[in-house]
Amino acid sequence: MPENEKKAPRVINKSGTLKMDDKTAATKQTRDISGRKMDRRGRRDRVRADAGPKEFDSITISVDRVSRTVAGGRRMRFKALVALGNHKNKVGIGVAKGNDVTTAVAKATSKAKKTMVTFNINGETIWHETRTKVTGADVLMKPAAPGTGIIAGGTVRSIMGLTGVKNLISKSLGSTNKVNIAYAVIEGLRQQVPRSEWNNANNAKKADKAPAKEATTEKAAKATEKSAVKATAKKAKAPAKKVAKKSTTKKEDK
């Protein structure tokens, strides 16, 4: 058999050019018109490394179409609300607009990364009850026992799914605007205070009350001293008056 037939068959693309595998493309040297080798100048090889695990997960809560009236008519754009979290105690939200959905989501994700919030978490629930108001939104959140799950509406559930909170009771008492509700949830998480700081706060209050009590005791002591001095003075003056009266009576008898 001729040597040409022994070679492996060549794969030809639809355009008529030969198709190279990744190894061949990585080792291939390009040449200019004069035949000299051209540097790759730090270009990446075709074989890309596998991407590592993501630090944050994101979820698109809502995408709305908005319009602006200009001189030529209406200008249509898209507004995206994106939440970002690490399934522990870091979460953030971002709102952005773009000419298309992809651009709006990308801009909202970058904003969410810049506005990440670290909050205090108690195992798989929050530390205490909070009620936060942002413009028209009013969100109430309460801690729950293990096994309760997340009892909340769509926006609150989406944000809590990106945190380490697994048990929560929530109720939206105000506006149904998703953006305002999202900001209210973030504010409620930011207000979480651990139990150790509750005790410190009580101790601080007691310490503040202690000087006031000492001042009142000092005042009471001074008042008692004054009353004792007055009483002794009265007792000292009383016998002198009686002696004077007796002397006058003797004079009258004489």
Protein backbone atom coordinates (compact mmCIF):
# COMPACT_ATOMS: atom_id res chain seq x y z
CA MET A 1 0.00 0.00 0.00
CA PRO A 2 1.28 3.50 -0.72
CA GLU A 3 2.41 5.67 2.15
CA ASN A 4 -0.44 8.18 1.63
CA GLU A 5 -3.05 5.53 2.36
CA LYS A 6 -1.33 4.46 5.60
CA LYS A 7 -1.70 7.94 7.12
CA ALA A 8 -4.73 8.75 9.30
CA PRO A 9 -7.62 10.34 7.43
CA ARG A 10 -7.69 14.12 7.55
CA VAL A 11 -10.76 15.91 8.88
CA ILE A 12 -11.81 18.82 6.69
CA ASN A 13 -14.12 21.57 7.97
CA LYS A 14 -17.08 22.90 6.02
CA SER A 15 -14.97 25.80 4.86
CA GLY A 16 -12.51 23.41 3.23
CA THR A 17 -9.65 23.91 5.72
CA LEU A 18 -8.02 21.17 7.73
CA LYS A 19 -9.23 20.70 11.31
CA MET A 20 -6.46 20.62 13.94
CA ASP A 21 -6.71 18.95 17.31
CA ASP A 22 -5.85 20.81 20.52
CA LYS A 23 -2.34 19.39 20.86
CA THR A 24 -1.41 20.39 17.33
CA ALA A 25 -2.83 23.88 17.78
CA ALA A 26 -0.92 24.35 21.07
CA THR A 27 2.45 23.38 19.51
CA LYS A 28 1.98 25.03 16.13
CA GLN A 29 4.34 27.85 15.21
CA THR A 30 2.98 30.70 13.13
CA ARG A 31 5.21 32.41 10.56
CA ASP A 32 5.08 35.80 8.89
CA ILE A 33 5.36 36.53 5.13
CA SER A 34 9.15 36.21 5.13
CA GLY A 35 8.95 32.82 6.89
CA ARG A 36 10.21 33.91 10.31
CA LYS A 37 8.61 32.48 13.43
CA MET A 38 6.16 34.75 15.23
CA ASP A 39 5.97 34.88 19.02
CA ARG A 40 2.75 33.80 20.72
CA ARG A 41 3.08 36.81 23.06
CA GLY A 42 1.60 35.06 26.07
CA ARG A 43 -1.57 33.88 24.35
CA ARG A 44 -3.51 31.17 26.12
CA ASP A 45 -3.40 27.64 24.76
CA ARG A 46 -6.50 26.04 23.44
CA VAL A 47 -6.54 23.58 26.33
CA ARG A 48 -8.15 25.61 29.11
CA ALA A 49 -7.92 24.71 32.77
CA ASP A 50 -11.10 23.63 34.49
CA ALA A 51 -12.77 26.44 36.39
CA GLY A 52 -12.63 26.07 40.19
CA PRO A 53 -15.66 26.12 42.50
CA LYS A 54 -17.53 29.40 42.71
CA GLU A 55 -17.20 31.41 45.90
CA PHE A 56 -20.63 33.03 45.50
CA ASP A 57 -23.85 31.83 43.93
CA SER A 58 -26.24 34.24 42.27
CA ILE A 59 -29.93 34.22 41.46
CA THR A 60 -31.93 36.57 39.28
CA ILE A 61 -35.00 37.52 41.29
CA SER A 62 -36.75 39.60 38.65
CA VAL A 63 -36.28 41.15 35.20
CA ASP A 64 -38.59 44.01 34.22
CA ARG A 65 -38.90 46.05 31.06
CA VAL A 66 -38.80 49.78 31.68
CA SER A 67 -39.20 52.69 29.30
CA ARG A 68 -38.20 56.32 29.16
CA THR A 69 -39.93 58.89 27.02
CA VAL A 70 -37.47 60.93 24.95
CA ALA A 71 -37.84 63.35 22.04
CA GLY A 72 -37.86 60.58 19.44
CA GLY A 73 -40.29 58.34 21.32
CA ARG A 74 -39.92 55.70 24.01
CA ARG A 75 -36.58 54.21 24.97
CA MET A 76 -37.04 50.60 26.10
CA ARG A 77 -34.57 49.03 28.52
CA PHE A 78 -34.44 46.15 31.02
CA LYS A 79 -34.03 46.28 34.81
CA ALA A 80 -32.63 43.26 36.69
CA LEU A 81 -32.63 42.44 40.41
CA VAL A 82 -29.88 39.96 41.35
CA ALA A 83 -28.98 38.44 44.74
CA LEU A 84 -25.53 37.05 45.57
CA GLY A 85 -24.46 34.88 48.52
CA ASN A 86 -22.00 32.27 49.78
CA HIS A 87 -24.56 30.05 51.61
CA LYS A 88 -23.11 31.18 54.96
CA ASN A 89 -23.30 34.70 56.38
CA LYS A 90 -22.54 36.87 53.35
CA VAL A 91 -25.20 38.19 51.00
CA GLY A 92 -25.78 41.16 48.72
CA ILE A 93 -28.23 42.47 46.15
CA GLY A 94 -27.83 44.62 43.06
CA VAL A 95 -30.18 46.48 40.74
CA ALA A 96 -29.10 47.63 37.29
CA LYS A 97 -30.49 48.51 33.86
CA GLY A 98 -29.25 47.61 30.41
CA ASN A 99 -30.22 47.59 26.77
CA ASP A 100 -30.69 43.82 26.93
CA VAL A 101 -31.29 41.26 29.66
CA THR A 102 -27.75 39.87 29.66
CA THR A 103 -26.18 43.30 30.15
CA ALA A 104 -28.62 44.20 32.92
CA VAL A 105 -27.96 40.95 34.81
CA ALA A 106 -24.18 41.31 34.49
CA LYS A 107 -24.25 44.89 35.78
CA ALA A 108 -26.55 43.93 38.67
CA THR A 109 -24.24 41.06 39.63
CA SER A 110 -21.21 43.36 39.74
CA LYS A 111 -23.14 45.80 41.93
CA ALA A 112 -24.17 42.99 44.28
CA LYS A 113 -20.51 42.00 44.72
CA LYS A 114 -19.66 45.55 45.77
CA THR A 115 -22.48 45.73 48.33
CA MET A 116 -21.99 42.44 50.16
CA VAL A 117 -23.17 42.35 53.80
CA THR A 118 -21.79 40.11 56.57
CA PHE A 119 -24.38 39.36 59.26
CA ASN A 120 -24.52 37.35 62.50
CA ILE A 121 -26.15 33.93 62.23
CA ASN A 122 -27.30 31.59 65.01
CA GLY A 123 -26.75 28.10 63.65
CA GLU A 124 -29.38 27.81 60.92
CA THR A 125 -31.60 30.72 61.95
CA ILE A 126 -31.37 34.37 62.96
CA TRP A 127 -30.72 35.64 66.50
CA HIS A 128 -33.84 37.66 67.17
CA GLU A 129 -36.98 39.14 65.67
CA THR A 130 -36.62 42.17 63.38
CA ARG A 131 -39.04 44.41 61.58
CA THR A 132 -37.52 46.69 58.96
CA LYS A 133 -39.09 49.34 56.76
CA VAL A 134 -37.61 50.57 53.49
CA THR A 135 -39.82 53.14 51.73
CA GLY A 136 -43.13 51.27 51.34
CA ALA A 137 -41.84 47.78 52.17
CA ASP A 138 -42.31 46.43 55.70
CA VAL A 139 -40.76 43.01 56.40
CA LEU A 140 -41.07 41.04 59.66
CA MET A 141 -38.60 38.20 60.30
CA LYS A 142 -38.59 35.79 63.27
CA PRO A 143 -36.25 32.95 64.25
CA ALA A 144 -37.66 29.43 63.99
CA ALA A 145 -36.97 26.01 65.49
CA PRO A 146 -34.93 23.42 63.59
CA GLY A 147 -36.98 21.66 60.93
CA THR A 148 -39.34 24.58 60.34
CA GLY A 149 -37.86 25.60 57.01
CA ILE A 150 -38.17 28.99 55.36
CA ILE A 151 -41.73 30.26 55.59
CA ALA A 152 -41.58 33.38 53.43
CA GLY A 153 -42.59 34.93 50.14
CA GLY A 154 -40.73 34.71 46.85
CA THR A 155 -38.22 37.54 47.29
CA VAL A 156 -37.34 36.69 50.90
CA ARG A 157 -37.09 32.99 50.07
CA SER A 158 -34.75 33.67 47.15
CA ILE A 159 -32.37 35.76 49.28
CA MET A 160 -32.41 33.35 52.22
CA GLY A 161 -31.63 30.48 49.87
CA LEU A 162 -28.21 32.07 49.28
CA THR A 163 -27.41 32.28 53.02
CA GLY A 164 -26.92 29.71 55.78
CA VAL A 165 -30.38 30.43 57.23
CA LYS A 166 -32.53 27.29 56.94
CA ASN A 167 -35.28 28.03 59.48
CA LEU A 168 -37.14 31.35 59.35
CA ILE A 169 -40.62 32.80 59.62
CA SER A 170 -41.22 35.94 57.59
CA LYS A 171 -44.14 38.14 56.59
CA SER A 172 -44.32 41.11 54.24
CA LEU A 173 -46.65 43.71 55.75
CA GLY A 174 -46.27 46.57 53.29
CA SER A 175 -45.58 47.13 49.61
CA THR A 176 -45.13 44.25 47.16
CA ASN A 177 -42.27 45.97 45.32
CA LYS A 178 -39.54 43.31 45.02
CA VAL A 179 -36.65 45.79 45.10
CA ASN A 180 -37.82 47.45 48.31
CA ILE A 181 -38.52 44.08 49.95
CA ALA A 182 -35.02 42.90 49.05
CA TYR A 183 -33.44 45.99 50.60
CA ALA A 184 -35.60 45.54 53.73
CA VAL A 185 -34.42 41.92 54.09
CA ILE A 186 -30.77 42.96 53.80
CA GLU A 187 -31.30 45.66 56.43
CA GLY A 188 -32.95 43.15 58.77
CA LEU A 189 -30.00 40.77 58.43
CA ARG A 190 -27.56 43.63 59.06
CA GLN A 191 -29.34 44.42 62.36
CA GLN A 192 -28.78 40.94 63.82
CA VAL A 193 -26.94 41.09 67.16
CA PRO A 194 -25.59 37.96 68.94
CA ARG A 195 -26.77 37.02 72.42
CA SER A 196 -23.40 37.81 74.01
CA GLU A 197 -23.83 41.45 73.06
CA TRP A 198 -27.30 41.46 74.60
CA ASN A 199 -25.78 40.57 78.00
CA ASN A 200 -23.09 43.20 77.60
CA ALA A 201 -25.76 45.76 76.86
CA ASN A 202 -27.60 44.80 80.07
CA ASN A 203 -24.37 45.03 82.07
CA ALA A 204 -23.67 48.42 80.57
CA LYS A 205 -27.13 49.61 81.59
CA LYS A 206 -26.56 48.34 85.12
CA ALA A 207 -23.19 50.08 85.23
CA ASP A 208 -24.85 53.31 84.11
CA LYS A 209 -27.50 52.95 86.83
CA ALA A 210 -24.93 52.21 89.57
CA PRO A 211 -23.45 55.76 89.74
CA ALA A 212 -26.96 57.18 89.96
CA LYS A 213 -27.72 54.89 92.90
CA GLU A 214 -24.47 55.91 94.60
CA ALA A 215 -25.36 59.57 94.15
CA THR A 216 -28.78 59.01 95.71
CA THR A 217 -27.24 57.16 98.68
CA GLU A 218 -24.75 59.99 99.19
CA LYS A 219 -27.58 62.52 99.17
CA ALA A 220 -29.53 60.43 101.67
CA ALA A 221 -26.49 60.18 103.95
CA LYS A 222 -25.96 63.93 103.83
CA ALA A 223 -29.63 64.51 104.62
CA THR A 224 -29.47 62.18 107.61
CA GLU A 225 -26.34 63.92 108.88
CA LYS A 226 -28.05 67.31 108.60
CA SER A 227 -31.11 66.03 110.42
CA ALA A 228 -28.91 64.55 113.18
CA VAL A 229 -27.06 67.84 113.59
CA LYS A 230 -30.33 69.74 113.84
CA ALA A 231 -31.66 67.29 116.39
CA THR A 232 -28.56 67.62 118.58
CA ALA A 233 -28.73 71.38 118.35
CA LYS A 234 -32.35 71.37 119.46
CA LYS A 235 -31.53 69.10 122.35
CA ALA A 236 -28.67 71.40 123.40
CA LYS A 237 -30.91 74.47 123.31
CA ALA A 238 -33.89 72.91 125.10
CA PRO A 239 -32.34 72.55 128.65
CA ALA A 240 -31.10 76.14 128.68
CA LYS A 241 -34.66 77.41 128.13
CA LYS A 242 -36.01 75.26 130.95
CA VAL A 243 -33.37 76.55 133.40
CA ALA A 244 -34.23 80.13 132.51
CA LYS A 245 -37.92 79.46 133.21
CA LYS A 246 -37.11 77.93 136.63
CA SER A 247 -35.02 80.91 137.64
CA THR A 248 -37.81 83.29 136.78
CA THR A 249 -40.28 81.33 138.85
CA LYS A 250 -37.95 81.43 141.90
CA LYS A 251 -37.59 85.17 141.56
CA GLU A 252 -41.38 85.54 141.48
CA ASP A 253 -41.66 83.44 144.69
CA LYS A 254 -39.16 85.66 146.48
